Amino acid sequence: MNKRIIVGISGATGIQYGIRALELLKEQHYETHLIVSKPAEMVRSYETTITHEQLVSLAHEIHLAQDIGSVLASGSFKTAGMLIAPCSIKTMSEIATGVTSTLMSRAADVVLKERRRLVLLLRETPLHLGHLRSMTAITEMGGVLMPPVPALYLKPESVDEMITHSVARALDLFGIDIDVKRWDHAYRNSLKK
């Protein structure tokens, strides 16, 4: 199994998903390659107290969003795939149309063309027809759209617990097993008591 994964953080609300993904991947000894868009840097300053330096220290390597010459722009650089968390509509739309104006969309395009796993934690609501068509296009190309919907049946006690569960479910799609509460027969029976 390839233990190298690309993590993209785009400029949608919910940068905490990307941060938690980096933390969990570090715990699992994955080599992470991080791309942070300029709008994501703005969101980081609005939504968290984490500094840019603290964010990039979570990754093994940082790649500038404008660096189209990065190794991530080449299919010969083998990875397990790419997680974009959160994924903005702009980033999703670029990927859906093949308009790769940044390293984030180019790396996702490479992941798709190499038939690797692409998972997008899309953060937007409500959706119009153009969004839905872009979502369909990505799905038809082999990507997975996973809006981070909280599993309230688990009765989470904090926002962090909800974020961790959503990220763990996204990492499941790469075959990465994170120890979190899950829906199963024993858990269902415990709810009946």
C-alpha atoms as a PDB file:
ATOM      1  CA  MET A   1       0.000   0.000   0.000  1.00  0.00           C
ATOM      2  CA  ASN A   2       1.253   3.459  -0.902  1.00  0.00           C
ATOM      3  CA  LYS A   3       1.468   5.510   2.317  1.00  0.00           C
ATOM      4  CA  ARG A   4       1.786   8.843   0.525  1.00  0.00           C
ATOM      5  CA  ILE A   5      -1.292  11.042   0.176  1.00  0.00           C
ATOM      6  CA  ILE A   6      -2.030  14.559  -1.077  1.00  0.00           C
ATOM      7  CA  VAL A   7      -4.134  16.810   1.144  1.00  0.00           C
ATOM      8  CA  GLY A   8      -5.652  19.912  -0.397  1.00  0.00           C
ATOM      9  CA  ILE A   9      -7.231  22.662   1.677  1.00  0.00           C
ATOM     10  CA  SER A  10      -9.296  25.052  -0.406  1.00  0.00           C
ATOM     11  CA  GLY A  11     -11.053  28.265   0.554  1.00  0.00           C
ATOM     12  CA  ALA A  12     -14.373  26.925   1.806  1.00  0.00           C
ATOM     13  CA  THR A  13     -15.459  27.116   5.409  1.00  0.00           C
ATOM     14  CA  GLY A  14     -14.356  24.121   7.448  1.00  0.00           C
ATOM     15  CA  ILE A  15     -10.555  24.260   7.390  1.00  0.00           C
ATOM     16  CA  GLN A  16     -10.745  22.183  10.576  1.00  0.00           C
ATOM     17  CA  TYR A  17     -11.470  19.135   8.369  1.00  0.00           C
ATOM     18  CA  GLY A  18      -8.160  19.523   6.565  1.00  0.00           C
ATOM     19  CA  ILE A  19      -6.276  20.148   9.793  1.00  0.00           C
ATOM     20  CA  ARG A  20      -7.772  17.041  11.405  1.00  0.00           C
ATOM     21  CA  ALA A  21      -7.002  14.965   8.306  1.00  0.00           C
ATOM     22  CA  LEU A  22      -3.336  15.959   8.547  1.00  0.00           C
ATOM     23  CA  GLU A  23      -3.264  15.088  12.248  1.00  0.00           C
ATOM     24  CA  LEU A  24      -4.876  11.671  11.732  1.00  0.00           C
ATOM     25  CA  LEU A  25      -2.653  10.850   8.759  1.00  0.00           C
ATOM     26  CA  LYS A  26       0.415  11.769  10.813  1.00  0.00           C
ATOM     27  CA  GLU A  27      -0.730   9.358  13.537  1.00  0.00           C
ATOM     28  CA  GLN A  28      -1.036   6.650  10.850  1.00  0.00           C
ATOM     29  CA  HIS A  29       2.505   7.397   9.575  1.00  0.00           C
ATOM     30  CA  TYR A  30       1.367   8.610   6.150  1.00  0.00           C
ATOM     31  CA  GLU A  31       3.597  10.891   4.126  1.00  0.00           C
ATOM     32  CA  THR A  32       1.426  13.943   3.479  1.00  0.00           C
ATOM     33  CA  HIS A  33       1.840  16.488   0.691  1.00  0.00           C
ATOM     34  CA  LEU A  34      -0.131  19.629   1.450  1.00  0.00           C
ATOM     35  CA  ILE A  35      -1.543  22.274  -0.888  1.00  0.00           C
ATOM     36  CA  VAL A  36      -3.229  25.289   0.735  1.00  0.00           C
ATOM     37  CA  SER A  37      -4.997  27.832  -1.463  1.00  0.00           C
ATOM     38  CA  LYS A  38      -4.778  31.578  -0.804  1.00  0.00           C
ATOM     39  CA  PRO A  39      -8.478  31.726   0.156  1.00  0.00           C
ATOM     40  CA  ALA A  40      -7.858  28.816   2.575  1.00  0.00           C
ATOM     41  CA  GLU A  41      -5.227  30.933   4.323  1.00  0.00           C
ATOM     42  CA  MET A  42      -7.877  33.627   4.797  1.00  0.00           C
ATOM     43  CA  VAL A  43     -10.332  31.068   6.178  1.00  0.00           C
ATOM     44  CA  ARG A  44      -7.625  29.741   8.535  1.00  0.00           C
ATOM     45  CA  SER A  45      -7.273  33.181  10.079  1.00  0.00           C
ATOM     46  CA  TYR A  46     -11.085  33.564  10.418  1.00  0.00           C
ATOM     47  CA  GLU A  47     -11.928  30.117  11.766  1.00  0.00           C
ATOM     48  CA  THR A  48      -8.953  29.041  13.886  1.00  0.00           C
ATOM     49  CA  THR A  49      -6.152  30.266  16.088  1.00  0.00           C
ATOM     50  CA  ILE A  50      -3.645  28.002  14.324  1.00  0.00           C
ATOM     51  CA  THR A  51      -0.834  29.848  12.544  1.00  0.00           C
ATOM     52  CA  HIS A  52       0.347  29.174   9.000  1.00  0.00           C
ATOM     53  CA  GLU A  53       3.550  27.694  10.423  1.00  0.00           C
ATOM     54  CA  GLN A  54       1.597  25.345  12.697  1.00  0.00           C
ATOM     55  CA  LEU A  55      -0.579  24.248   9.778  1.00  0.00           C
ATOM     56  CA  VAL A  56       2.278  23.441   7.414  1.00  0.00           C
ATOM     57  CA  SER A  57       4.212  21.689  10.208  1.00  0.00           C
ATOM     58  CA  LEU A  58       1.503  18.999  10.166  1.00  0.00           C
ATOM     59  CA  ALA A  59       2.540  17.938   6.647  1.00  0.00           C
ATOM     60  CA  HIS A  60       5.690  16.242   5.439  1.00  0.00           C
ATOM     61  CA  GLU A  61       5.915  18.595   2.500  1.00  0.00           C
ATOM     62  CA  ILE A  62       4.131  21.810   1.493  1.00  0.00           C
ATOM     63  CA  HIS A  63       3.515  22.641  -2.160  1.00  0.00           C
ATOM     64  CA  LEU A  64       2.603  26.145  -3.279  1.00  0.00           C
ATOM     65  CA  ALA A  65      -0.752  26.390  -5.027  1.00  0.00           C
ATOM     66  CA  GLN A  66       0.815  28.295  -7.952  1.00  0.00           C
ATOM     67  CA  ASP A  67       3.658  25.757  -8.439  1.00  0.00           C
ATOM     68  CA  ILE A  68       2.411  23.871 -11.489  1.00  0.00           C
ATOM     69  CA  GLY A  69       5.931  22.379 -11.800  1.00  0.00           C
ATOM     70  CA  SER A  70       5.552  20.515  -8.490  1.00  0.00           C
ATOM     71  CA  VAL A  71       5.973  16.723  -8.425  1.00  0.00           C
ATOM     72  CA  LEU A  72       2.238  16.565  -7.615  1.00  0.00           C
ATOM     73  CA  ALA A  73       1.527  17.704 -11.197  1.00  0.00           C
ATOM     74  CA  SER A  74       3.013  14.465 -12.554  1.00  0.00           C
ATOM     75  CA  GLY A  75       1.426  11.035 -12.683  1.00  0.00           C
ATOM     76  CA  SER A  76       4.839   9.470 -12.185  1.00  0.00           C
ATOM     77  CA  PHE A  77       4.764  10.696  -8.554  1.00  0.00           C
ATOM     78  CA  LYS A  78       2.896   7.800  -6.959  1.00  0.00           C
ATOM     79  CA  THR A  79       0.345   8.478  -4.240  1.00  0.00           C
ATOM     80  CA  ALA A  80      -2.639   6.722  -2.686  1.00  0.00           C
ATOM     81  CA  GLY A  81      -4.688   9.649  -3.961  1.00  0.00           C
ATOM     82  CA  MET A  82      -5.894  13.035  -2.825  1.00  0.00           C
ATOM     83  CA  LEU A  83      -8.272  14.376  -0.202  1.00  0.00           C
ATOM     84  CA  ILE A  84      -9.511  17.950  -0.532  1.00  0.00           C
ATOM     85  CA  ALA A  85     -10.919  19.018   2.809  1.00  0.00           C
ATOM     86  CA  PRO A  86     -12.723  21.309   2.655  1.00  0.00           C
ATOM     87  CA  CYS A  87     -13.421  21.561  -1.063  1.00  0.00           C
ATOM     88  CA  SER A  88     -14.857  24.791  -2.426  1.00  0.00           C
ATOM     89  CA  ILE A  89     -17.264  24.940  -5.358  1.00  0.00           C
ATOM     90  CA  LYS A  90     -14.566  26.759  -7.369  1.00  0.00           C
ATOM     91  CA  THR A  91     -12.068  23.949  -6.830  1.00  0.00           C
ATOM     92  CA  MET A  92     -14.677  21.283  -7.586  1.00  0.00           C
ATOM     93  CA  SER A  93     -15.701  23.109 -10.764  1.00  0.00           C
ATOM     94  CA  GLU A  94     -12.106  23.379 -12.010  1.00  0.00           C
ATOM     95  CA  ILE A  95     -11.627  19.645 -11.453  1.00  0.00           C
ATOM     96  CA  ALA A  96     -14.931  18.790 -13.159  1.00  0.00           C
ATOM     97  CA  THR A  97     -14.056  20.781 -16.284  1.00  0.00           C
ATOM     98  CA  GLY A  98     -10.352  19.931 -16.464  1.00  0.00           C
ATOM     99  CA  VAL A  99      -9.423  23.615 -16.135  1.00  0.00           C
ATOM    100  CA  THR A 100      -6.350  23.183 -13.977  1.00  0.00           C
ATOM    101  CA  SER A 101      -5.348  26.743 -13.132  1.00  0.00           C
ATOM    102  CA  THR A 102      -3.713  25.836  -9.796  1.00  0.00           C
ATOM    103  CA  LEU A 103      -1.679  22.972  -8.424  1.00  0.00           C
ATOM    104  CA  MET A 104      -4.707  21.915  -6.374  1.00  0.00           C
ATOM    105  CA  SER A 105      -6.888  21.295  -9.429  1.00  0.00           C
ATOM    106  CA  ARG A 106      -3.931  19.955 -11.458  1.00  0.00           C
ATOM    107  CA  ALA A 107      -3.016  17.426  -8.748  1.00  0.00           C
ATOM    108  CA  ALA A 108      -6.659  16.306  -8.560  1.00  0.00           C
ATOM    109  CA  ASP A 109      -6.735  15.993 -12.352  1.00  0.00           C
ATOM    110  CA  VAL A 110      -3.586  13.838 -12.231  1.00  0.00           C
ATOM    111  CA  VAL A 111      -5.109  11.641  -9.509  1.00  0.00           C
ATOM    112  CA  LEU A 112      -8.170  11.060 -11.691  1.00  0.00           C
ATOM    113  CA  LYS A 113      -6.211  10.354 -14.881  1.00  0.00           C
ATOM    114  CA  GLU A 114      -4.016   7.862 -13.003  1.00  0.00           C
ATOM    115  CA  ARG A 115      -7.169   6.172 -11.636  1.00  0.00           C
ATOM    116  CA  ARG A 116      -6.260   6.920  -8.036  1.00  0.00           C
ATOM    117  CA  ARG A 117      -8.705   7.867  -5.281  1.00  0.00           C
ATOM    118  CA  LEU A 118      -9.975  11.472  -5.176  1.00  0.00           C
ATOM    119  CA  VAL A 119     -12.247  12.456  -2.276  1.00  0.00           C
ATOM    120  CA  LEU A 120     -13.778  15.920  -2.020  1.00  0.00           C
ATOM    121  CA  LEU A 121     -15.345  17.129   1.232  1.00  0.00           C
ATOM    122  CA  LEU A 122     -17.585  19.601  -0.548  1.00  0.00           C
ATOM    123  CA  ARG A 123     -18.685  22.557   1.591  1.00  0.00           C
ATOM    124  CA  GLU A 124     -21.592  24.378  -0.004  1.00  0.00           C
ATOM    125  CA  THR A 125     -25.339  24.497   0.380  1.00  0.00           C
ATOM    126  CA  PRO A 126     -27.822  24.867  -1.196  1.00  0.00           C
ATOM    127  CA  LEU A 127     -26.713  23.596  -4.598  1.00  0.00           C
ATOM    128  CA  HIS A 128     -27.855  24.791  -8.019  1.00  0.00           C
ATOM    129  CA  LEU A 129     -27.961  22.771 -11.232  1.00  0.00           C
ATOM    130  CA  GLY A 130     -24.440  23.791 -12.294  1.00  0.00           C
ATOM    131  CA  HIS A 131     -23.038  22.470  -8.997  1.00  0.00           C
ATOM    132  CA  LEU A 132     -24.938  19.216  -9.413  1.00  0.00           C
ATOM    133  CA  ARG A 133     -23.668  18.779 -12.976  1.00  0.00           C
ATOM    134  CA  SER A 134     -20.091  19.313 -11.792  1.00  0.00           C
ATOM    135  CA  MET A 135     -20.654  16.752  -9.036  1.00  0.00           C
ATOM    136  CA  THR A 136     -21.974  14.282 -11.610  1.00  0.00           C
ATOM    137  CA  ALA A 137     -18.971  14.878 -13.880  1.00  0.00           C
ATOM    138  CA  ILE A 138     -16.513  14.204 -11.060  1.00  0.00           C
ATOM    139  CA  THR A 139     -18.394  11.070 -10.040  1.00  0.00           C
ATOM    140  CA  GLU A 140     -18.378   9.831 -13.640  1.00  0.00           C
ATOM    141  CA  MET A 141     -14.590  10.396 -13.731  1.00  0.00           C
ATOM    142  CA  GLY A 142     -14.145   8.252 -10.612  1.00  0.00           C
ATOM    143  CA  GLY A 143     -13.999  10.907  -7.896  1.00  0.00           C
ATOM    144  CA  VAL A 144     -15.960  10.685  -4.654  1.00  0.00           C
ATOM    145  CA  LEU A 145     -17.953  13.625  -3.310  1.00  0.00           C
ATOM    146  CA  MET A 146     -18.456  13.433   0.422  1.00  0.00           C
ATOM    147  CA  PRO A 147     -20.059  16.428   2.055  1.00  0.00           C
ATOM    148  CA  PRO A 148     -19.021  16.260   5.732  1.00  0.00           C
ATOM    149  CA  VAL A 149     -22.418  15.485   7.222  1.00  0.00           C
ATOM    150  CA  PRO A 150     -22.249  14.852  10.982  1.00  0.00           C
ATOM    151  CA  ALA A 151     -23.310  11.420  12.258  1.00  0.00           C
ATOM    152  CA  LEU A 152     -25.677  12.641  14.952  1.00  0.00           C
ATOM    153  CA  TYR A 153     -26.764   9.079  15.795  1.00  0.00           C
ATOM    154  CA  LEU A 154     -23.415   8.777  17.583  1.00  0.00           C
ATOM    155  CA  LYS A 155     -24.517  11.537  19.986  1.00  0.00           C
ATOM    156  CA  PRO A 156     -21.287  13.526  19.610  1.00  0.00           C
ATOM    157  CA  GLU A 157     -20.263  15.580  22.607  1.00  0.00           C
ATOM    158  CA  SER A 158     -18.265  18.219  20.700  1.00  0.00           C
ATOM    159  CA  VAL A 159     -17.700  19.779  17.307  1.00  0.00           C
ATOM    160  CA  ASP A 160     -14.225  18.200  17.320  1.00  0.00           C
ATOM    161  CA  GLU A 161     -15.791  14.752  17.682  1.00  0.00           C
ATOM    162  CA  MET A 162     -18.046  15.435  14.677  1.00  0.00           C
ATOM    163  CA  ILE A 163     -15.103  16.670  12.604  1.00  0.00           C
ATOM    164  CA  THR A 164     -12.961  13.661  13.549  1.00  0.00           C
ATOM    165  CA  HIS A 165     -15.738  11.236  12.633  1.00  0.00           C
ATOM    166  CA  SER A 166     -16.326  12.882   9.235  1.00  0.00           C
ATOM    167  CA  VAL A 167     -12.601  12.862   8.443  1.00  0.00           C
ATOM    168  CA  ALA A 168     -12.248   9.244   9.583  1.00  0.00           C
ATOM    169  CA  ARG A 169     -15.097   8.274   7.230  1.00  0.00           C
ATOM    170  CA  ALA A 170     -13.342  10.102   4.385  1.00  0.00           C
ATOM    171  CA  LEU A 171     -10.096   8.284   5.161  1.00  0.00           C
ATOM    172  CA  ASP A 172     -12.033   4.990   5.093  1.00  0.00           C
ATOM    173  CA  LEU A 173     -12.367   5.629   1.353  1.00  0.00           C
ATOM    174  CA  PHE A 174      -8.572   5.292   1.073  1.00  0.00           C
ATOM    175  CA  GLY A 175      -8.537   2.103   3.165  1.00  0.00           C
ATOM    176  CA  ILE A 176      -7.152   3.983   6.179  1.00  0.00           C
ATOM    177  CA  ASP A 177      -8.732   2.708   9.380  1.00  0.00           C
ATOM    178  CA  ILE A 178      -9.089   5.326  12.109  1.00  0.00           C
ATOM    179  CA  ASP A 179     -10.406   4.199  15.496  1.00  0.00           C
ATOM    180  CA  VAL A 180     -13.699   6.077  15.937  1.00  0.00           C
ATOM    181  CA  LYS A 181     -17.191   5.117  17.074  1.00  0.00           C
ATOM    182  CA  ARG A 182     -19.058   3.423  14.247  1.00  0.00           C
ATOM    183  CA  TRP A 183     -22.566   2.253  13.599  1.00  0.00           C
ATOM    184  CA  ASP A 184     -22.778  -1.473  14.211  1.00  0.00           C
ATOM    185  CA  HIS A 185     -25.189  -4.009  15.679  1.00  0.00           C
ATOM    186  CA  ALA A 186     -23.765  -3.755  19.220  1.00  0.00           C
ATOM    187  CA  TYR A 187     -23.888   0.042  19.120  1.00  0.00           C
ATOM    188  CA  ARG A 188     -27.458   0.015  17.801  1.00  0.00           C
ATOM    189  CA  ASN A 189     -28.521  -2.293  20.621  1.00  0.00           C
ATOM    190  CA  SER A 190     -26.846  -0.052  23.215  1.00  0.00           C
ATOM    191  CA  LEU A 191     -29.014   2.846  21.998  1.00  0.00           C
ATOM    192  CA  LYS A 192     -32.189   0.871  22.763  1.00  0.00           C
ATOM    193  CA  LYS A 193     -31.336   0.639  26.458  1.00  0.00           C
END
